[in-house]
Every structure is written in C-alpha cells, then in structure tokens.
Amino acid sequence: MEFSKEIIRLCKILPKSIITIPLIGQLIRSGTAIGANYIEANDSLGKKDFIHRIKIARKEAKETMYWLKLINEADNKFKEQIEILLKECTELKNILSAIIKNSI
C-alpha cells in the first residue's frame, strides 16, 4: 500500500498536459494494482489462484516501470522521485518473482 500511496503523491504533483494526463492515468492504474492484486492473492481460492494473482501483480509492476520511464521522458523535473519509485518497483517485481518461484 505504501508504494501505491507514493505513486499517488507523485501523480498529484506532476504537471498536467496533453501528454502527461494519459500517462498519469495509466501509472495510477498499474501502480495501485500491484498491491490490490497482492491482497487478492492472499484471499485466493487455492494455490493455482494464488500464483495467478501474484503473476498479475508482477505484470502490473513491470507495466508501472514502463509508465514511470515514459513520464520521466515527458517531464524530467521529477527525475529523483521517479528513480526512487523505479527502484522500489523493481524490488517489488523481484519479491513477487521469488514468491512465484517458491510457490511452484
């Protein structure tokens, strides 16, 4: 949830333009979906469902990294915050990958 909150905080301060508005929307969707899918995985109906939902969370983490990089390209005034979020997102992706590996 903390990662999702940081994504929201970043999106609140980003300048809104014809280029950044769609990117911000995508970032909010994917960045907050990581935690939501992790929560759903913990309430899964079985091992197969758990792994499936963790894989979705990992996919959302990869997508979030993509949107962060595009937003940085569109307006690099927030490069430091974006780099911190990219690092955190990479760590989340690696944790989710380890969970998948250990669950199979």
N, C-alpha and C. Protein backbone atom coordinates (compact mmCIF):
# COMPACT_ATOMS: atom_id res chain seq x y z
N MET A 1 0.82 -1.19 0.00
CA MET A 1 0.00 0.00 0.00
C MET A 1 0.87 1.26 0.00
N GLU A 2 2.02 1.21 0.68
CA GLU A 2 2.89 2.40 0.72
C GLU A 2 3.36 2.79 -0.68
N PHE A 3 3.66 1.79 -1.50
CA PHE A 3 4.09 2.08 -2.87
C PHE A 3 2.96 2.78 -3.62
N SER A 4 1.75 2.30 -3.47
CA SER A 4 0.60 2.92 -4.13
C SER A 4 0.42 4.37 -3.69
N LYS A 5 0.61 4.60 -2.41
CA LYS A 5 0.50 5.97 -1.89
C LYS A 5 1.56 6.88 -2.50
N GLU A 6 2.77 6.37 -2.65
CA GLU A 6 3.84 7.16 -3.25
C GLU A 6 3.55 7.47 -4.72
N ILE A 7 2.97 6.52 -5.42
CA ILE A 7 2.57 6.74 -6.82
C ILE A 7 1.53 7.87 -6.88
N ILE A 8 0.55 7.81 -6.00
CA ILE A 8 -0.49 8.84 -5.97
C ILE A 8 0.11 10.20 -5.65
N ARG A 9 1.02 10.25 -4.68
CA ARG A 9 1.67 11.52 -4.32
C ARG A 9 2.42 12.11 -5.51
N LEU A 10 3.14 11.26 -6.24
CA LEU A 10 3.86 11.74 -7.42
C LEU A 10 2.88 12.28 -8.46
N CYS A 11 1.83 11.53 -8.72
CA CYS A 11 0.87 11.94 -9.75
C CYS A 11 0.18 13.25 -9.41
N LYS A 12 0.00 13.54 -8.14
CA LYS A 12 -0.62 14.79 -7.72
C LYS A 12 0.25 15.99 -8.07
N ILE A 13 1.58 15.83 -8.03
CA ILE A 13 2.47 16.98 -8.26
C ILE A 13 2.97 17.09 -9.69
N LEU A 14 2.74 16.08 -10.49
CA LEU A 14 3.19 16.15 -11.89
C LEU A 14 2.40 17.21 -12.65
N PRO A 15 3.08 17.97 -13.52
CA PRO A 15 2.36 18.94 -14.34
C PRO A 15 1.39 18.23 -15.27
N LYS A 16 0.22 18.81 -15.43
CA LYS A 16 -0.80 18.20 -16.29
C LYS A 16 -0.75 18.85 -17.67
N SER A 17 -0.54 18.01 -18.67
CA SER A 17 -0.52 18.49 -20.06
C SER A 17 -1.18 17.43 -20.93
N ILE A 18 -1.33 17.74 -22.19
CA ILE A 18 -1.95 16.80 -23.12
C ILE A 18 -1.15 15.49 -23.19
N ILE A 19 0.13 15.56 -22.92
CA ILE A 19 0.98 14.36 -22.96
C ILE A 19 0.94 13.62 -21.63
N THR A 20 1.05 14.35 -20.54
CA THR A 20 1.18 13.68 -19.24
C THR A 20 -0.13 13.14 -18.67
N ILE A 21 -1.25 13.74 -18.98
CA ILE A 21 -2.52 13.30 -18.39
C ILE A 21 -2.80 11.82 -18.68
N PRO A 22 -2.70 11.34 -19.93
CA PRO A 22 -2.94 9.90 -20.16
C PRO A 22 -1.90 9.02 -19.47
N LEU A 23 -0.65 9.48 -19.44
CA LEU A 23 0.40 8.69 -18.79
C LEU A 23 0.15 8.58 -17.29
N ILE A 24 -0.26 9.68 -16.68
CA ILE A 24 -0.56 9.69 -15.25
C ILE A 24 -1.70 8.73 -14.94
N GLY A 25 -2.73 8.73 -15.76
CA GLY A 25 -3.85 7.81 -15.56
C GLY A 25 -3.41 6.35 -15.60
N GLN A 26 -2.58 6.04 -16.57
CA GLN A 26 -2.07 4.67 -16.69
C GLN A 26 -1.20 4.30 -15.49
N LEU A 27 -0.36 5.24 -15.06
CA LEU A 27 0.52 4.99 -13.92
C LEU A 27 -0.28 4.73 -12.65
N ILE A 28 -1.32 5.51 -12.43
CA ILE A 28 -2.15 5.31 -11.24
C ILE A 28 -2.80 3.93 -11.28
N ARG A 29 -3.32 3.54 -12.45
CA ARG A 29 -3.98 2.23 -12.56
C ARG A 29 -3.00 1.09 -12.29
N SER A 30 -1.86 1.10 -12.96
CA SER A 30 -0.93 -0.03 -12.79
C SER A 30 -0.23 0.02 -11.44
N GLY A 31 0.15 1.21 -11.00
CA GLY A 31 0.88 1.34 -9.74
C GLY A 31 0.07 0.94 -8.52
N THR A 32 -1.21 1.20 -8.55
CA THR A 32 -2.06 0.82 -7.42
C THR A 32 -2.58 -0.61 -7.55
N ALA A 33 -2.51 -1.17 -8.74
CA ALA A 33 -2.99 -2.54 -8.97
C ALA A 33 -2.03 -3.58 -8.39
N ILE A 34 -0.77 -3.21 -8.20
CA ILE A 34 0.20 -4.17 -7.65
C ILE A 34 -0.27 -4.64 -6.28
N GLY A 35 -0.51 -3.69 -5.40
CA GLY A 35 -0.96 -4.02 -4.04
C GLY A 35 -2.33 -4.66 -4.01
N ALA A 36 -3.23 -4.17 -4.86
CA ALA A 36 -4.58 -4.74 -4.90
C ALA A 36 -4.54 -6.22 -5.29
N ASN A 37 -3.73 -6.56 -6.27
CA ASN A 37 -3.64 -7.96 -6.69
C ASN A 37 -2.93 -8.81 -5.65
N TYR A 38 -1.99 -8.23 -4.94
CA TYR A 38 -1.33 -8.97 -3.86
C TYR A 38 -2.33 -9.29 -2.75
N ILE A 39 -3.16 -8.32 -2.40
CA ILE A 39 -4.21 -8.54 -1.39
C ILE A 39 -5.15 -9.65 -1.85
N GLU A 40 -5.56 -9.60 -3.12
CA GLU A 40 -6.45 -10.63 -3.65
C GLU A 40 -5.78 -12.00 -3.62
N ALA A 41 -4.48 -12.04 -3.89
CA ALA A 41 -3.76 -13.32 -3.86
C ALA A 41 -3.82 -13.94 -2.48
N ASN A 42 -3.72 -13.11 -1.46
CA ASN A 42 -3.76 -13.63 -0.09
C ASN A 42 -5.13 -14.15 0.30
N ASP A 43 -6.15 -13.77 -0.44
CA ASP A 43 -7.50 -14.29 -0.22
C ASP A 43 -7.90 -15.27 -1.32
N SER A 44 -6.92 -15.87 -1.95
CA SER A 44 -7.19 -16.73 -3.11
C SER A 44 -7.92 -18.01 -2.71
N LEU A 45 -8.43 -18.68 -3.73
CA LEU A 45 -9.20 -19.89 -3.53
C LEU A 45 -8.35 -21.15 -3.53
N GLY A 46 -7.08 -21.00 -3.76
CA GLY A 46 -6.18 -22.15 -3.79
C GLY A 46 -4.83 -21.73 -4.34
N LYS A 47 -3.93 -22.70 -4.41
CA LYS A 47 -2.55 -22.43 -4.84
C LYS A 47 -2.49 -21.89 -6.26
N LYS A 48 -3.25 -22.49 -7.17
CA LYS A 48 -3.25 -22.06 -8.57
C LYS A 48 -3.74 -20.61 -8.70
N ASP A 49 -4.81 -20.29 -7.99
CA ASP A 49 -5.36 -18.93 -7.99
C ASP A 49 -4.36 -17.95 -7.37
N PHE A 50 -3.70 -18.36 -6.28
CA PHE A 50 -2.70 -17.53 -5.62
C PHE A 50 -1.57 -17.17 -6.60
N ILE A 51 -1.03 -18.17 -7.27
CA ILE A 51 0.07 -17.94 -8.21
C ILE A 51 -0.40 -17.04 -9.35
N HIS A 52 -1.60 -17.28 -9.85
CA HIS A 52 -2.14 -16.46 -10.94
C HIS A 52 -2.21 -14.99 -10.54
N ARG A 53 -2.70 -14.71 -9.35
CA ARG A 53 -2.85 -13.32 -8.90
C ARG A 53 -1.49 -12.67 -8.61
N ILE A 54 -0.55 -13.43 -8.11
CA ILE A 54 0.80 -12.90 -7.89
C ILE A 54 1.44 -12.57 -9.24
N LYS A 55 1.20 -13.41 -10.25
CA LYS A 55 1.72 -13.13 -11.59
C LYS A 55 1.11 -11.85 -12.16
N ILE A 56 -0.16 -11.61 -11.88
CA ILE A 56 -0.80 -10.37 -12.33
C ILE A 56 -0.15 -9.18 -11.62
N ALA A 57 0.10 -9.31 -10.33
CA ALA A 57 0.74 -8.23 -9.57
C ALA A 57 2.13 -7.94 -10.16
N ARG A 58 2.87 -8.99 -10.52
CA ARG A 58 4.20 -8.80 -11.12
C ARG A 58 4.08 -8.12 -12.48
N LYS A 59 3.08 -8.49 -13.25
CA LYS A 59 2.86 -7.85 -14.55
C LYS A 59 2.57 -6.37 -14.37
N GLU A 60 1.77 -6.03 -13.38
CA GLU A 60 1.46 -4.63 -13.10
C GLU A 60 2.71 -3.87 -12.66
N ALA A 61 3.60 -4.53 -11.94
CA ALA A 61 4.86 -3.88 -11.54
C ALA A 61 5.70 -3.56 -12.78
N LYS A 62 5.77 -4.50 -13.70
CA LYS A 62 6.52 -4.25 -14.94
C LYS A 62 5.90 -3.10 -15.72
N GLU A 63 4.58 -3.08 -15.79
CA GLU A 63 3.89 -2.01 -16.51
C GLU A 63 4.13 -0.66 -15.82
N THR A 64 4.12 -0.65 -14.52
CA THR A 64 4.37 0.59 -13.77
C THR A 64 5.75 1.14 -14.08
N MET A 65 6.73 0.27 -14.18
CA MET A 65 8.09 0.71 -14.54
C MET A 65 8.08 1.38 -15.91
N TYR A 66 7.34 0.83 -16.82
CA TYR A 66 7.23 1.40 -18.17
C TYR A 66 6.65 2.81 -18.12
N TRP A 67 5.54 2.99 -17.39
CA TRP A 67 4.89 4.30 -17.32
C TRP A 67 5.77 5.31 -16.60
N LEU A 68 6.48 4.87 -15.56
CA LEU A 68 7.38 5.79 -14.87
C LEU A 68 8.47 6.30 -15.81
N LYS A 69 9.00 5.42 -16.63
CA LYS A 69 10.05 5.81 -17.58
C LYS A 69 9.50 6.79 -18.63
N LEU A 70 8.27 6.55 -19.09
CA LEU A 70 7.67 7.46 -20.07
C LEU A 70 7.38 8.83 -19.46
N ILE A 71 6.89 8.84 -18.24
CA ILE A 71 6.63 10.12 -17.58
C ILE A 71 7.93 10.88 -17.38
N ASN A 72 8.98 10.19 -17.03
CA ASN A 72 10.28 10.84 -16.87
C ASN A 72 10.74 11.44 -18.20
N GLU A 73 10.46 10.77 -19.27
CA GLU A 73 10.82 11.27 -20.61
C GLU A 73 9.99 12.50 -20.96
N ALA A 74 8.71 12.49 -20.59
CA ALA A 74 7.82 13.59 -20.91
C ALA A 74 8.15 14.84 -20.10
N ASP A 75 8.58 14.64 -18.85
CA ASP A 75 8.89 15.78 -17.98
C ASP A 75 9.86 15.29 -16.90
N ASN A 76 11.13 15.58 -17.08
CA ASN A 76 12.13 15.02 -16.17
C ASN A 76 12.43 15.90 -14.95
N LYS A 77 11.51 16.79 -14.61
CA LYS A 77 11.69 17.64 -13.42
C LYS A 77 11.61 16.82 -12.14
N PHE A 78 11.03 15.66 -12.20
CA PHE A 78 10.84 14.82 -11.02
C PHE A 78 11.68 13.54 -11.12
N LYS A 79 12.82 13.65 -11.78
CA LYS A 79 13.68 12.51 -12.05
C LYS A 79 14.06 11.76 -10.77
N GLU A 80 14.40 12.49 -9.72
CA GLU A 80 14.82 11.85 -8.47
C GLU A 80 13.71 11.00 -7.86
N GLN A 81 12.50 11.56 -7.78
CA GLN A 81 11.37 10.79 -7.23
C GLN A 81 11.05 9.59 -8.10
N ILE A 82 11.12 9.78 -9.41
CA ILE A 82 10.82 8.68 -10.33
C ILE A 82 11.86 7.58 -10.20
N GLU A 83 13.12 7.94 -10.07
CA GLU A 83 14.17 6.92 -9.91
C GLU A 83 13.98 6.13 -8.63
N ILE A 84 13.57 6.79 -7.55
CA ILE A 84 13.29 6.09 -6.29
C ILE A 84 12.14 5.10 -6.48
N LEU A 85 11.07 5.56 -7.15
CA LEU A 85 9.93 4.68 -7.40
C LEU A 85 10.30 3.52 -8.33
N LEU A 86 11.14 3.78 -9.31
CA LEU A 86 11.59 2.70 -10.20
C LEU A 86 12.36 1.65 -9.42
N LYS A 87 13.20 2.09 -8.50
CA LYS A 87 13.96 1.14 -7.68
C LYS A 87 13.02 0.32 -6.81
N GLU A 88 12.07 0.99 -6.16
CA GLU A 88 11.10 0.28 -5.32
C GLU A 88 10.27 -0.70 -6.14
N CYS A 89 9.88 -0.29 -7.33
CA CYS A 89 9.07 -1.14 -8.19
C CYS A 89 9.87 -2.37 -8.64
N THR A 90 11.13 -2.17 -8.94
CA THR A 90 12.00 -3.29 -9.31
C THR A 90 12.11 -4.28 -8.14
N GLU A 91 12.24 -3.75 -6.93
CA GLU A 91 12.29 -4.61 -5.75
C GLU A 91 10.99 -5.38 -5.57
N LEU A 92 9.86 -4.71 -5.77
CA LEU A 92 8.56 -5.39 -5.68
C LEU A 92 8.46 -6.50 -6.72
N LYS A 93 8.88 -6.20 -7.95
CA LYS A 93 8.85 -7.20 -9.02
C LYS A 93 9.70 -8.41 -8.65
N ASN A 94 10.88 -8.16 -8.09
CA ASN A 94 11.77 -9.26 -7.70
C ASN A 94 11.18 -10.08 -6.56
N ILE A 95 10.54 -9.41 -5.60
CA ILE A 95 9.89 -10.12 -4.49
C ILE A 95 8.76 -10.99 -5.03
N LEU A 96 7.94 -10.43 -5.92
CA LEU A 96 6.84 -11.20 -6.49
C LEU A 96 7.35 -12.38 -7.31
N SER A 97 8.45 -12.19 -8.03
CA SER A 97 9.05 -13.29 -8.79
C SER A 97 9.52 -14.39 -7.86
N ALA A 98 10.12 -14.01 -6.73
CA ALA A 98 10.57 -15.01 -5.75
C ALA A 98 9.39 -15.77 -5.15
N ILE A 99 8.31 -15.05 -4.88
CA ILE A 99 7.10 -15.72 -4.36
C ILE A 99 6.60 -16.75 -5.37
N ILE A 100 6.56 -16.37 -6.63
CA ILE A 100 6.11 -17.29 -7.69
C ILE A 100 7.01 -18.51 -7.74
N LYS A 101 8.31 -18.26 -7.76
CA LYS A 101 9.29 -19.35 -7.85
C LYS A 101 9.15 -20.31 -6.67
N ASN A 102 8.97 -19.77 -5.47
CA ASN A 102 8.87 -20.61 -4.28
C ASN A 102 7.51 -21.29 -4.13
N SER A 103 6.53 -20.83 -4.90
CA SER A 103 5.18 -21.41 -4.80
C SER A 103 4.94 -22.51 -5.80
N ILE A 104 5.81 -22.61 -6.79
CA ILE A 104 5.60 -23.62 -7.84
C ILE A 104 6.24 -24.92 -7.46
